[in-house]
């Protein structure tokens, strides 16, 4: 069976179940934290796939990675995944659930990368700006990356606005290189 089909079926079933009990937002937050843990620590996936660990230890590990105190829907879902021996697909199930939830709730993801931290007011203004164009909820990810040297990089959906100093320097350098090639 295709990996995408398995993860989508489980994620869709969890979304319907969590929406029915009213815990879809909590499950979304917990699966987001679990997904972030999978990205940050590849050892988590290896530990969950380890056949030596029993189901209780794997369940405890997944719950701790999701934030410690998790809702009952999350626990039931992870138990089902572990009982069916589908723990190798858990990361994909998390990502699929997150995607389905965002589509269902019309949530737009934006990412602002700056050279230094920005004020909270800037974040709120950007959220309001994106909300005005998408008429949906906005989640804004703020990143500080000194390598851009100044300015900002703003991404929303498939759009990217790069107003960083580093990019401007690269463009000027490329123009000088092209101009010098024509002279020689």
N, C-alpha and C. Protein backbone atom coordinates (compact mmCIF):
# COMPACT_ATOMS: atom_id res chain seq x y z
N UNK A 1 0.84 -1.18 0.00
CA UNK A 1 0.00 0.00 0.00
C UNK A 1 0.89 1.25 0.00
N UNK A 2 0.44 2.28 -0.65
CA UNK A 2 1.20 3.52 -0.77
C UNK A 2 1.28 4.24 0.57
N UNK A 3 2.46 4.78 0.87
CA UNK A 3 2.70 5.48 2.14
C UNK A 3 1.76 6.68 2.28
N UNK A 4 1.56 7.42 1.20
CA UNK A 4 0.69 8.58 1.24
C UNK A 4 -0.75 8.24 1.53
N UNK A 5 -1.20 7.11 1.01
CA UNK A 5 -2.58 6.69 1.24
C UNK A 5 -2.78 6.32 2.71
N UNK A 6 -1.83 5.61 3.27
CA UNK A 6 -1.92 5.20 4.68
C UNK A 6 -1.97 6.43 5.58
N UNK A 7 -1.02 7.33 5.40
CA UNK A 7 -0.96 8.50 6.28
C UNK A 7 -2.19 9.38 6.10
N UNK A 8 -2.67 9.51 4.89
CA UNK A 8 -3.86 10.34 4.64
C UNK A 8 -5.10 9.74 5.29
N UNK A 9 -5.26 8.44 5.20
CA UNK A 9 -6.44 7.79 5.80
C UNK A 9 -6.45 7.97 7.31
N UNK A 10 -5.32 7.74 7.93
CA UNK A 10 -5.24 7.90 9.39
C UNK A 10 -5.46 9.36 9.79
N UNK A 11 -4.83 10.28 9.07
CA UNK A 11 -4.97 11.70 9.40
C UNK A 11 -6.40 12.18 9.20
N UNK A 12 -7.02 11.74 8.13
CA UNK A 12 -8.39 12.15 7.86
C UNK A 12 -9.34 11.60 8.91
N UNK A 13 -9.14 10.35 9.30
CA UNK A 13 -9.97 9.76 10.35
C UNK A 13 -9.78 10.49 11.68
N UNK A 14 -8.54 10.84 12.01
CA UNK A 14 -8.28 11.58 13.24
C UNK A 14 -8.93 12.96 13.19
N UNK A 15 -8.86 13.63 12.06
CA UNK A 15 -9.46 14.96 11.94
C UNK A 15 -10.97 14.90 12.13
N UNK A 16 -11.61 13.92 11.52
CA UNK A 16 -13.06 13.77 11.68
C UNK A 16 -13.42 13.44 13.12
N UNK A 17 -12.65 12.56 13.75
CA UNK A 17 -12.92 12.19 15.13
C UNK A 17 -12.69 13.37 16.07
N UNK A 18 -11.58 14.07 15.90
CA UNK A 18 -11.26 15.21 16.76
C UNK A 18 -12.25 16.36 16.55
N UNK A 19 -12.67 16.57 15.31
CA UNK A 19 -13.66 17.62 15.05
C UNK A 19 -14.99 17.26 15.70
N UNK A 20 -15.33 15.98 15.69
CA UNK A 20 -16.57 15.53 16.32
C UNK A 20 -16.57 15.71 17.82
N UNK A 21 -15.41 15.56 18.44
CA UNK A 21 -15.32 15.74 19.90
C UNK A 21 -14.97 17.17 20.28
N UNK A 22 -14.64 18.01 19.31
CA UNK A 22 -14.30 19.40 19.58
C UNK A 22 -12.86 19.61 20.01
N UNK A 23 -12.02 18.61 19.82
CA UNK A 23 -10.62 18.70 20.25
C UNK A 23 -9.67 18.86 19.08
N UNK A 24 -10.19 19.25 17.92
CA UNK A 24 -9.33 19.33 16.73
C UNK A 24 -8.22 20.35 16.87
N UNK A 25 -8.48 21.46 17.56
CA UNK A 25 -7.45 22.48 17.73
C UNK A 25 -6.33 21.99 18.65
N UNK A 26 -6.70 21.29 19.74
CA UNK A 26 -5.68 20.75 20.65
C UNK A 26 -4.84 19.68 19.95
N UNK A 27 -5.52 18.81 19.18
CA UNK A 27 -4.79 17.77 18.45
C UNK A 27 -3.86 18.40 17.43
N UNK A 28 -4.32 19.48 16.78
CA UNK A 28 -3.48 20.21 15.82
C UNK A 28 -2.21 20.73 16.49
N UNK A 29 -2.37 21.34 17.66
CA UNK A 29 -1.22 21.88 18.38
C UNK A 29 -0.26 20.77 18.80
N UNK A 30 -0.81 19.66 19.29
CA UNK A 30 0.03 18.55 19.74
C UNK A 30 0.75 17.88 18.58
N UNK A 31 0.05 17.69 17.47
CA UNK A 31 0.70 17.08 16.31
C UNK A 31 1.73 18.03 15.69
N UNK A 32 1.50 19.32 15.81
CA UNK A 32 2.50 20.29 15.34
C UNK A 32 3.78 20.19 16.17
N UNK A 33 3.61 20.09 17.49
CA UNK A 33 4.79 19.93 18.35
C UNK A 33 5.50 18.61 18.07
N UNK A 34 4.73 17.54 17.87
CA UNK A 34 5.33 16.24 17.57
C UNK A 34 6.07 16.28 16.24
N UNK A 35 5.49 16.94 15.26
CA UNK A 35 6.14 17.07 13.96
C UNK A 35 7.43 17.86 14.07
N UNK A 36 7.41 18.94 14.87
CA UNK A 36 8.62 19.72 15.09
C UNK A 36 9.70 18.87 15.76
N UNK A 37 9.30 18.01 16.70
CA UNK A 37 10.26 17.11 17.36
C UNK A 37 10.85 16.12 16.37
N UNK A 38 10.02 15.62 15.46
CA UNK A 38 10.53 14.71 14.42
C UNK A 38 11.59 15.41 13.57
N UNK A 39 11.34 16.67 13.25
CA UNK A 39 12.29 17.43 12.42
C UNK A 39 13.57 17.74 13.19
N UNK A 40 13.42 18.12 14.45
CA UNK A 40 14.59 18.52 15.23
C UNK A 40 15.43 17.34 15.69
N UNK A 41 14.79 16.21 15.96
CA UNK A 41 15.50 15.04 16.49
C UNK A 41 15.17 13.79 15.67
N UNK A 42 15.99 13.45 14.70
CA UNK A 42 15.75 12.23 13.91
C UNK A 42 15.78 10.95 14.77
N UNK A 43 16.38 11.05 15.95
CA UNK A 43 16.45 9.89 16.84
C UNK A 43 15.06 9.50 17.33
N UNK A 44 14.12 10.43 17.35
CA UNK A 44 12.75 10.12 17.78
C UNK A 44 12.11 9.11 16.86
N UNK A 45 12.27 9.31 15.58
CA UNK A 45 11.70 8.36 14.62
C UNK A 45 12.36 6.99 14.76
N UNK A 46 13.67 6.98 14.96
CA UNK A 46 14.39 5.71 15.14
C UNK A 46 13.92 5.01 16.41
N UNK A 47 13.68 5.76 17.47
CA UNK A 47 13.22 5.17 18.72
C UNK A 47 11.82 4.59 18.57
N UNK A 48 10.94 5.30 17.85
CA UNK A 48 9.58 4.78 17.65
C UNK A 48 9.56 3.55 16.75
N UNK A 49 10.51 3.46 15.85
CA UNK A 49 10.60 2.30 14.96
C UNK A 49 11.34 1.13 15.59
N UNK A 50 11.94 1.34 16.76
CA UNK A 50 12.72 0.31 17.44
C UNK A 50 11.80 -0.82 17.92
N UNK A 51 12.01 -2.05 17.45
CA UNK A 51 11.14 -3.16 17.87
C UNK A 51 11.38 -3.62 19.31
N UNK A 52 12.46 -3.19 19.92
CA UNK A 52 12.77 -3.59 21.29
C UNK A 52 11.86 -2.88 22.29
N UNK A 53 11.50 -1.63 21.99
CA UNK A 53 10.63 -0.86 22.89
C UNK A 53 9.19 -1.37 22.79
N UNK A 54 8.52 -1.45 23.94
CA UNK A 54 7.13 -1.90 23.91
C UNK A 54 6.21 -0.71 23.65
N UNK A 55 4.93 -1.00 23.47
CA UNK A 55 3.95 0.01 23.08
C UNK A 55 3.83 1.11 24.14
N UNK A 56 3.88 0.76 25.41
CA UNK A 56 3.75 1.76 26.48
C UNK A 56 4.91 2.76 26.44
N UNK A 57 6.11 2.26 26.22
CA UNK A 57 7.27 3.16 26.15
C UNK A 57 7.18 4.08 24.93
N UNK A 58 6.75 3.53 23.80
CA UNK A 58 6.61 4.34 22.59
C UNK A 58 5.50 5.38 22.77
N UNK A 59 4.41 5.00 23.42
CA UNK A 59 3.32 5.93 23.67
C UNK A 59 3.79 7.06 24.58
N UNK A 60 4.52 6.70 25.62
CA UNK A 60 5.05 7.70 26.55
C UNK A 60 6.01 8.65 25.82
N UNK A 61 6.84 8.10 24.97
CA UNK A 61 7.80 8.91 24.20
C UNK A 61 7.08 9.89 23.27
N UNK A 62 6.04 9.41 22.58
CA UNK A 62 5.28 10.27 21.67
C UNK A 62 4.55 11.37 22.44
N UNK A 63 3.99 11.02 23.59
CA UNK A 63 3.27 12.01 24.40
C UNK A 63 4.22 13.07 24.94
N UNK A 64 5.41 12.66 25.37
CA UNK A 64 6.39 13.64 25.85
C UNK A 64 6.85 14.55 24.72
N UNK A 65 7.03 14.00 23.54
CA UNK A 65 7.45 14.81 22.40
C UNK A 65 6.37 15.80 21.98
N UNK A 66 5.10 15.45 22.24
CA UNK A 66 3.98 16.32 21.87
C UNK A 66 3.66 17.36 22.93
N UNK A 67 4.41 17.38 24.00
CA UNK A 67 4.20 18.42 25.01
C UNK A 67 3.95 17.92 26.40
N UNK A 68 3.95 16.63 26.62
CA UNK A 68 3.76 16.10 27.97
C UNK A 68 2.31 15.82 28.28
N UNK A 69 1.55 16.85 28.58
CA UNK A 69 0.13 16.68 28.89
C UNK A 69 -0.66 16.83 27.59
N UNK A 70 -1.18 15.72 27.10
CA UNK A 70 -1.88 15.71 25.81
C UNK A 70 -3.33 15.30 26.02
N UNK A 71 -4.17 15.59 25.04
CA UNK A 71 -5.59 15.27 25.14
C UNK A 71 -5.82 13.78 24.87
N UNK A 72 -6.99 13.32 25.26
CA UNK A 72 -7.35 11.91 25.14
C UNK A 72 -7.40 11.46 23.68
N UNK A 73 -7.84 12.34 22.79
CA UNK A 73 -7.92 11.99 21.36
C UNK A 73 -6.54 11.69 20.79
N UNK A 74 -5.57 12.47 21.20
CA UNK A 74 -4.20 12.24 20.75
C UNK A 74 -3.69 10.88 21.26
N UNK A 75 -3.94 10.60 22.52
CA UNK A 75 -3.48 9.34 23.12
C UNK A 75 -4.14 8.16 22.42
N UNK A 76 -5.44 8.25 22.17
CA UNK A 76 -6.14 7.15 21.48
C UNK A 76 -5.60 6.94 20.08
N UNK A 77 -5.30 8.05 19.39
CA UNK A 77 -4.76 7.95 18.04
C UNK A 77 -3.40 7.27 18.04
N UNK A 78 -2.51 7.70 18.91
CA UNK A 78 -1.17 7.12 18.95
C UNK A 78 -1.25 5.64 19.36
N UNK A 79 -2.13 5.30 20.28
CA UNK A 79 -2.31 3.89 20.65
C UNK A 79 -2.74 3.06 19.45
N UNK A 80 -3.68 3.59 18.67
CA UNK A 80 -4.15 2.89 17.47
C UNK A 80 -3.01 2.69 16.49
N UNK A 81 -2.23 3.75 16.26
CA UNK A 81 -1.11 3.66 15.33
C UNK A 81 -0.10 2.61 15.80
N UNK A 82 0.18 2.59 17.09
CA UNK A 82 1.15 1.62 17.62
C UNK A 82 0.60 0.20 17.60
N UNK A 83 -0.68 0.03 17.88
CA UNK A 83 -1.27 -1.31 17.85
C UNK A 83 -1.29 -1.88 16.44
N UNK A 84 -1.50 -1.02 15.46
CA UNK A 84 -1.53 -1.46 14.07
C UNK A 84 -0.13 -1.52 13.45
N UNK A 85 0.89 -1.23 14.26
CA UNK A 85 2.30 -1.27 13.85
C UNK A 85 2.58 -0.33 12.67
N UNK A 86 2.00 0.87 12.75
CA UNK A 86 2.18 1.88 11.71
C UNK A 86 3.02 3.04 12.20
N UNK A 87 3.84 2.82 13.25
CA UNK A 87 4.61 3.92 13.82
C UNK A 87 5.62 4.52 12.85
N UNK A 88 6.01 3.78 11.83
CA UNK A 88 6.95 4.33 10.85
C UNK A 88 6.30 5.42 10.00
N UNK A 89 4.97 5.47 9.99
CA UNK A 89 4.24 6.48 9.22
C UNK A 89 3.76 7.65 10.08
N UNK A 90 4.08 7.65 11.35
CA UNK A 90 3.55 8.65 12.27
C UNK A 90 3.93 10.08 11.88
N UNK A 91 5.15 10.28 11.45
CA UNK A 91 5.56 11.63 11.04
C UNK A 91 4.74 12.11 9.84
N UNK A 92 4.52 11.25 8.87
CA UNK A 92 3.72 11.63 7.71
C UNK A 92 2.26 11.85 8.10
N UNK A 93 1.77 11.09 9.06
CA UNK A 93 0.41 11.29 9.55
C UNK A 93 0.28 12.67 10.20
N UNK A 94 1.29 13.05 10.97
CA UNK A 94 1.28 14.38 11.61
C UNK A 94 1.23 15.48 10.55
N UNK A 95 2.09 15.39 9.57
CA UNK A 95 2.15 16.41 8.52
C UNK A 95 0.86 16.46 7.71
N UNK A 96 0.28 15.30 7.44
CA UNK A 96 -0.96 15.25 6.68
C UNK A 96 -2.11 15.85 7.48
N UNK A 97 -2.18 15.53 8.77
CA UNK A 97 -3.22 16.10 9.63
C UNK A 97 -3.09 17.62 9.66
N UNK A 98 -1.87 18.11 9.82
CA UNK A 98 -1.64 19.56 9.87
C UNK A 98 -2.13 20.21 8.58
N UNK A 99 -1.81 19.60 7.45
CA UNK A 99 -2.23 20.13 6.16
C UNK A 99 -3.75 20.11 6.02
N UNK A 100 -4.39 19.00 6.38
CA UNK A 100 -5.85 18.89 6.29
C UNK A 100 -6.54 19.90 7.21
N UNK A 101 -6.01 20.06 8.41
CA UNK A 101 -6.59 21.00 9.37
C UNK A 101 -6.49 22.43 8.85
N UNK A 102 -5.34 22.77 8.29
CA UNK A 102 -5.16 24.13 7.77
C UNK A 102 -6.09 24.40 6.60
N UNK A 103 -6.31 23.41 5.76
CA UNK A 103 -7.25 23.58 4.65
C UNK A 103 -8.67 23.73 5.17
N UNK A 104 -9.03 22.92 6.15
CA UNK A 104 -10.38 22.95 6.69
C UNK A 104 -10.68 24.30 7.37
N UNK A 105 -9.72 24.83 8.09
CA UNK A 105 -9.90 26.08 8.83
C UNK A 105 -9.45 27.31 8.05
N UNK A 106 -9.02 27.14 6.81
CA UNK A 106 -8.55 28.23 5.96
C UNK A 106 -7.43 29.02 6.65
N UNK A 107 -6.40 28.32 7.05
CA UNK A 107 -5.26 28.93 7.72
C UNK A 107 -4.14 29.13 6.71
N UNK A 108 -3.63 30.35 6.66
CA UNK A 108 -2.52 30.69 5.78
C UNK A 108 -1.25 30.79 6.62
N UNK A 109 -0.17 30.26 6.10
CA UNK A 109 1.12 30.29 6.80
C UNK A 109 2.00 31.34 6.15
N UNK A 110 2.54 32.21 6.98
CA UNK A 110 3.47 33.22 6.52
C UNK A 110 4.78 33.08 7.29
N UNK A 111 5.86 33.48 6.68
CA UNK A 111 7.17 33.40 7.34
C UNK A 111 7.91 34.71 7.10
N UNK A 112 8.31 35.34 8.20
CA UNK A 112 9.07 36.58 8.12
C UNK A 112 10.46 36.32 8.67
N UNK A 113 11.47 36.53 7.83
CA UNK A 113 12.86 36.38 8.24
C UNK A 113 13.50 37.76 8.25
N UNK A 114 14.08 38.11 9.39
CA UNK A 114 14.74 39.41 9.54
C UNK A 114 16.13 39.21 10.11
N UNK A 115 16.93 40.25 10.04
CA UNK A 115 18.30 40.18 10.56
C UNK A 115 18.32 40.34 12.07
N UNK A 116 17.33 41.02 12.62
CA UNK A 116 17.23 41.20 14.08
C UNK A 116 15.76 41.07 14.47
N UNK A 117 15.48 40.82 15.74
CA UNK A 117 14.08 40.65 16.16
C UNK A 117 13.26 41.91 15.89
N UNK A 118 11.97 41.70 15.58
CA UNK A 118 11.06 42.82 15.32
C UNK A 118 10.05 42.95 16.45
N UNK A 119 9.40 44.07 16.52
CA UNK A 119 8.41 44.33 17.56
C UNK A 119 7.15 43.52 17.30
N UNK A 120 6.36 43.34 18.35
CA UNK A 120 5.10 42.59 18.24
C UNK A 120 4.11 43.32 17.33
N UNK A 121 4.17 44.63 17.28
CA UNK A 121 3.26 45.40 16.44
C UNK A 121 3.44 45.09 14.96
N UNK A 122 4.66 44.84 14.55
CA UNK A 122 4.94 44.50 13.15
C UNK A 122 4.29 43.16 12.81
N UNK A 123 4.40 42.23 13.73
CA UNK A 123 3.80 40.91 13.51
C UNK A 123 2.28 41.03 13.36
N UNK A 124 1.64 41.82 14.20
CA UNK A 124 0.19 42.00 14.13
C UNK A 124 -0.23 42.69 12.84
N UNK A 125 0.54 43.69 12.40
CA UNK A 125 0.22 44.38 11.15
C UNK A 125 0.34 43.44 9.95
N UNK A 126 1.37 42.58 9.95
CA UNK A 126 1.52 41.61 8.85
C UNK A 126 0.37 40.61 8.84
N UNK A 127 -0.02 40.15 10.03
CA UNK A 127 -1.15 39.22 10.11
C UNK A 127 -2.42 39.87 9.56
N UNK A 128 -2.64 41.13 9.93
CA UNK A 128 -3.83 41.84 9.45
C UNK A 128 -3.78 42.03 7.93
N UNK A 129 -2.59 42.31 7.40
CA UNK A 129 -2.43 42.50 5.96
C UNK A 129 -2.73 41.21 5.20
N UNK A 130 -2.17 40.11 5.67
CA UNK A 130 -2.40 38.82 5.00
C UNK A 130 -3.86 38.40 5.17
N UNK A 131 -4.43 38.65 6.35
CA UNK A 131 -5.83 38.32 6.60
C UNK A 131 -6.75 39.07 5.65
N UNK A 132 -6.43 40.32 5.35
CA UNK A 132 -7.25 41.11 4.45
C UNK A 132 -7.26 40.52 3.03
N UNK A 133 -6.16 39.90 2.63
CA UNK A 133 -6.08 39.35 1.27
C UNK A 133 -6.57 37.91 1.18
N UNK A 134 -6.49 37.16 2.28
CA UNK A 134 -6.89 35.75 2.23
C UNK A 134 -8.20 35.49 2.92
N UNK A 135 -8.67 36.41 3.72
CA UNK A 135 -9.89 36.29 4.52
C UNK A 135 -9.93 34.98 5.32
N UNK A 136 -8.81 34.63 5.87
CA UNK A 136 -8.70 33.44 6.71
C UNK A 136 -7.74 33.71 7.85
N UNK A 137 -7.60 32.74 8.71
CA UNK A 137 -6.68 32.86 9.84
C UNK A 137 -5.24 32.83 9.33
N UNK A 138 -4.35 33.50 10.04
CA UNK A 138 -2.96 33.60 9.62
C UNK A 138 -2.05 33.12 10.74
N UNK A 139 -1.14 32.23 10.41
CA UNK A 139 -0.08 31.82 11.34
C UNK A 139 1.22 32.39 10.80
N UNK A 140 1.89 33.18 11.61
CA UNK A 140 3.12 33.83 11.17
C UNK A 140 4.30 33.25 11.92
N UNK A 141 5.27 32.78 11.17
CA UNK A 141 6.50 32.22 11.74
C UNK A 141 7.56 33.31 11.64
N UNK A 142 8.11 33.68 12.77
CA UNK A 142 9.13 34.72 12.82
C UNK A 142 10.50 34.06 12.96
N UNK A 143 11.43 34.42 12.08
CA UNK A 143 12.79 33.89 12.14
C UNK A 143 13.78 35.04 12.17
N UNK A 144 14.83 34.87 12.95
CA UNK A 144 15.93 35.83 12.97
C UNK A 144 17.14 35.15 12.36
N UNK A 145 17.63 35.74 11.28
CA UNK A 145 18.77 35.18 10.56
C UNK A 145 19.74 36.31 10.22
N UNK A 146 20.79 36.46 11.02
CA UNK A 146 21.72 37.57 10.80
C UNK A 146 22.42 37.53 9.43
N UNK A 147 22.45 36.39 8.77
CA UNK A 147 23.16 36.29 7.48
C UNK A 147 22.52 37.12 6.38
N UNK A 148 21.27 37.57 6.55
CA UNK A 148 20.66 38.41 5.50
C UNK A 148 21.10 39.86 5.62
N UNK A 149 21.83 40.20 6.70
CA UNK A 149 22.51 41.48 6.91
C UNK A 149 21.60 42.69 7.07
N UNK A 150 20.33 42.57 6.83
CA UNK A 150 19.40 43.68 6.96
C UNK A 150 18.21 43.45 6.06
N UNK A 151 17.16 44.22 6.27
CA UNK A 151 15.96 44.04 5.47
C UNK A 151 15.15 42.87 5.96
N UNK A 152 14.41 42.24 5.04
CA UNK A 152 13.57 41.11 5.42
C UNK A 152 13.28 40.22 4.23
N UNK A 153 12.82 39.01 4.53
CA UNK A 153 12.31 38.08 3.52
C UNK A 153 10.94 37.64 4.04
N UNK A 154 9.90 37.86 3.25
CA UNK A 154 8.55 37.52 3.66
C UNK A 154 7.98 36.51 2.68
N UNK A 155 7.51 35.38 3.19
CA UNK A 155 6.93 34.32 2.36
C UNK A 155 5.50 34.06 2.80
N UNK A 156 4.61 33.98 1.84
CA UNK A 156 3.22 33.59 2.08
C UNK A 156 2.80 32.71 0.92
N UNK A 157 2.42 31.49 1.25
CA UNK A 157 2.01 30.56 0.20
C UNK A 157 3.13 30.35 -0.80
N UNK A 158 2.85 30.67 -2.04
CA UNK A 158 3.86 30.51 -3.09
C UNK A 158 4.57 31.82 -3.40
N UNK A 159 4.24 32.89 -2.70
CA UNK A 159 4.85 34.20 -2.93
C UNK A 159 6.01 34.43 -1.98
N UNK A 160 7.03 35.12 -2.49
CA UNK A 160 8.21 35.44 -1.70
C UNK A 160 8.64 36.86 -2.03
N UNK A 161 8.77 37.67 -0.99
CA UNK A 161 9.24 39.04 -1.14
C UNK A 161 10.59 39.12 -0.44
N UNK A 162 11.65 39.26 -1.23
CA UNK A 162 13.00 39.28 -0.68
C UNK A 162 13.55 40.69 -0.77
N UNK A 163 13.58 41.37 0.36
CA UNK A 163 14.12 42.73 0.43
C UNK A 163 15.31 42.75 1.38
N UNK A 164 16.12 41.70 1.30
CA UNK A 164 17.28 41.61 2.19
C UNK A 164 18.50 42.29 1.55
N UNK A 165 19.36 42.78 2.40
CA UNK A 165 20.58 43.44 1.95
C UNK A 165 21.49 42.44 1.25
N UNK A 166 21.58 41.23 1.76
CA UNK A 166 22.44 40.21 1.16
C UNK A 166 22.02 39.92 -0.28
N UNK A 167 20.73 39.87 -0.55
CA UNK A 167 20.25 39.63 -1.91
C UNK A 167 20.57 40.81 -2.82
N UNK A 168 20.42 42.00 -2.30
CA UNK A 168 20.75 43.19 -3.09
C UNK A 168 22.24 43.21 -3.46
N UNK A 169 23.10 42.84 -2.49
CA UNK A 169 24.54 42.75 -2.77
C UNK A 169 24.83 41.72 -3.85
N UNK A 170 24.18 40.58 -3.78
CA UNK A 170 24.38 39.54 -4.80
C UNK A 170 23.96 40.04 -6.18
N UNK A 171 22.85 40.75 -6.25
CA UNK A 171 22.38 41.27 -7.54
C UNK A 171 23.37 42.28 -8.13
N UNK A 172 23.86 43.17 -7.29
CA UNK A 172 24.83 44.17 -7.76
C UNK A 172 26.11 43.48 -8.22
N UNK A 173 26.57 42.51 -7.47
CA UNK A 173 27.78 41.76 -7.83
C UNK A 173 27.57 41.05 -9.17
N UNK A 174 26.40 40.45 -9.35
CA UNK A 174 26.11 39.74 -10.61
C UNK A 174 26.08 40.72 -11.78
N UNK A 175 25.56 41.91 -11.57
CA UNK A 175 25.53 42.92 -12.64
C UNK A 175 26.94 43.34 -13.03
N UNK A 176 27.82 43.52 -12.03
CA UNK A 176 29.21 43.88 -12.33
C UNK A 176 29.91 42.75 -13.09
N UNK A 177 29.68 41.54 -12.70
CA UNK A 177 30.31 40.40 -13.39
C UNK A 177 29.85 40.33 -14.83
N UNK A 178 28.54 40.50 -15.07
CA UNK A 178 28.04 40.46 -16.44
C UNK A 178 28.57 41.61 -17.28
N UNK A 179 28.68 42.79 -16.68
CA UNK A 179 29.19 43.95 -17.40
C UNK A 179 30.66 43.75 -17.76
N UNK A 180 31.44 43.19 -16.85
CA UNK A 180 32.86 42.94 -17.11
C UNK A 180 33.04 41.87 -18.18
N UNK A 181 32.17 40.92 -18.27
CA UNK A 181 32.27 39.88 -19.31
C UNK A 181 32.07 40.48 -20.69
N UNK A 182 31.18 41.44 -20.78
CA UNK A 182 30.93 42.09 -22.09
C UNK A 182 32.11 42.93 -22.52
N UNK A 183 32.81 43.52 -21.57
CA UNK A 183 33.95 44.40 -21.90
C UNK A 183 35.12 43.57 -22.43
N UNK A 184 35.35 42.40 -21.83
CA UNK A 184 36.51 41.60 -22.22
C UNK A 184 36.30 40.89 -23.49
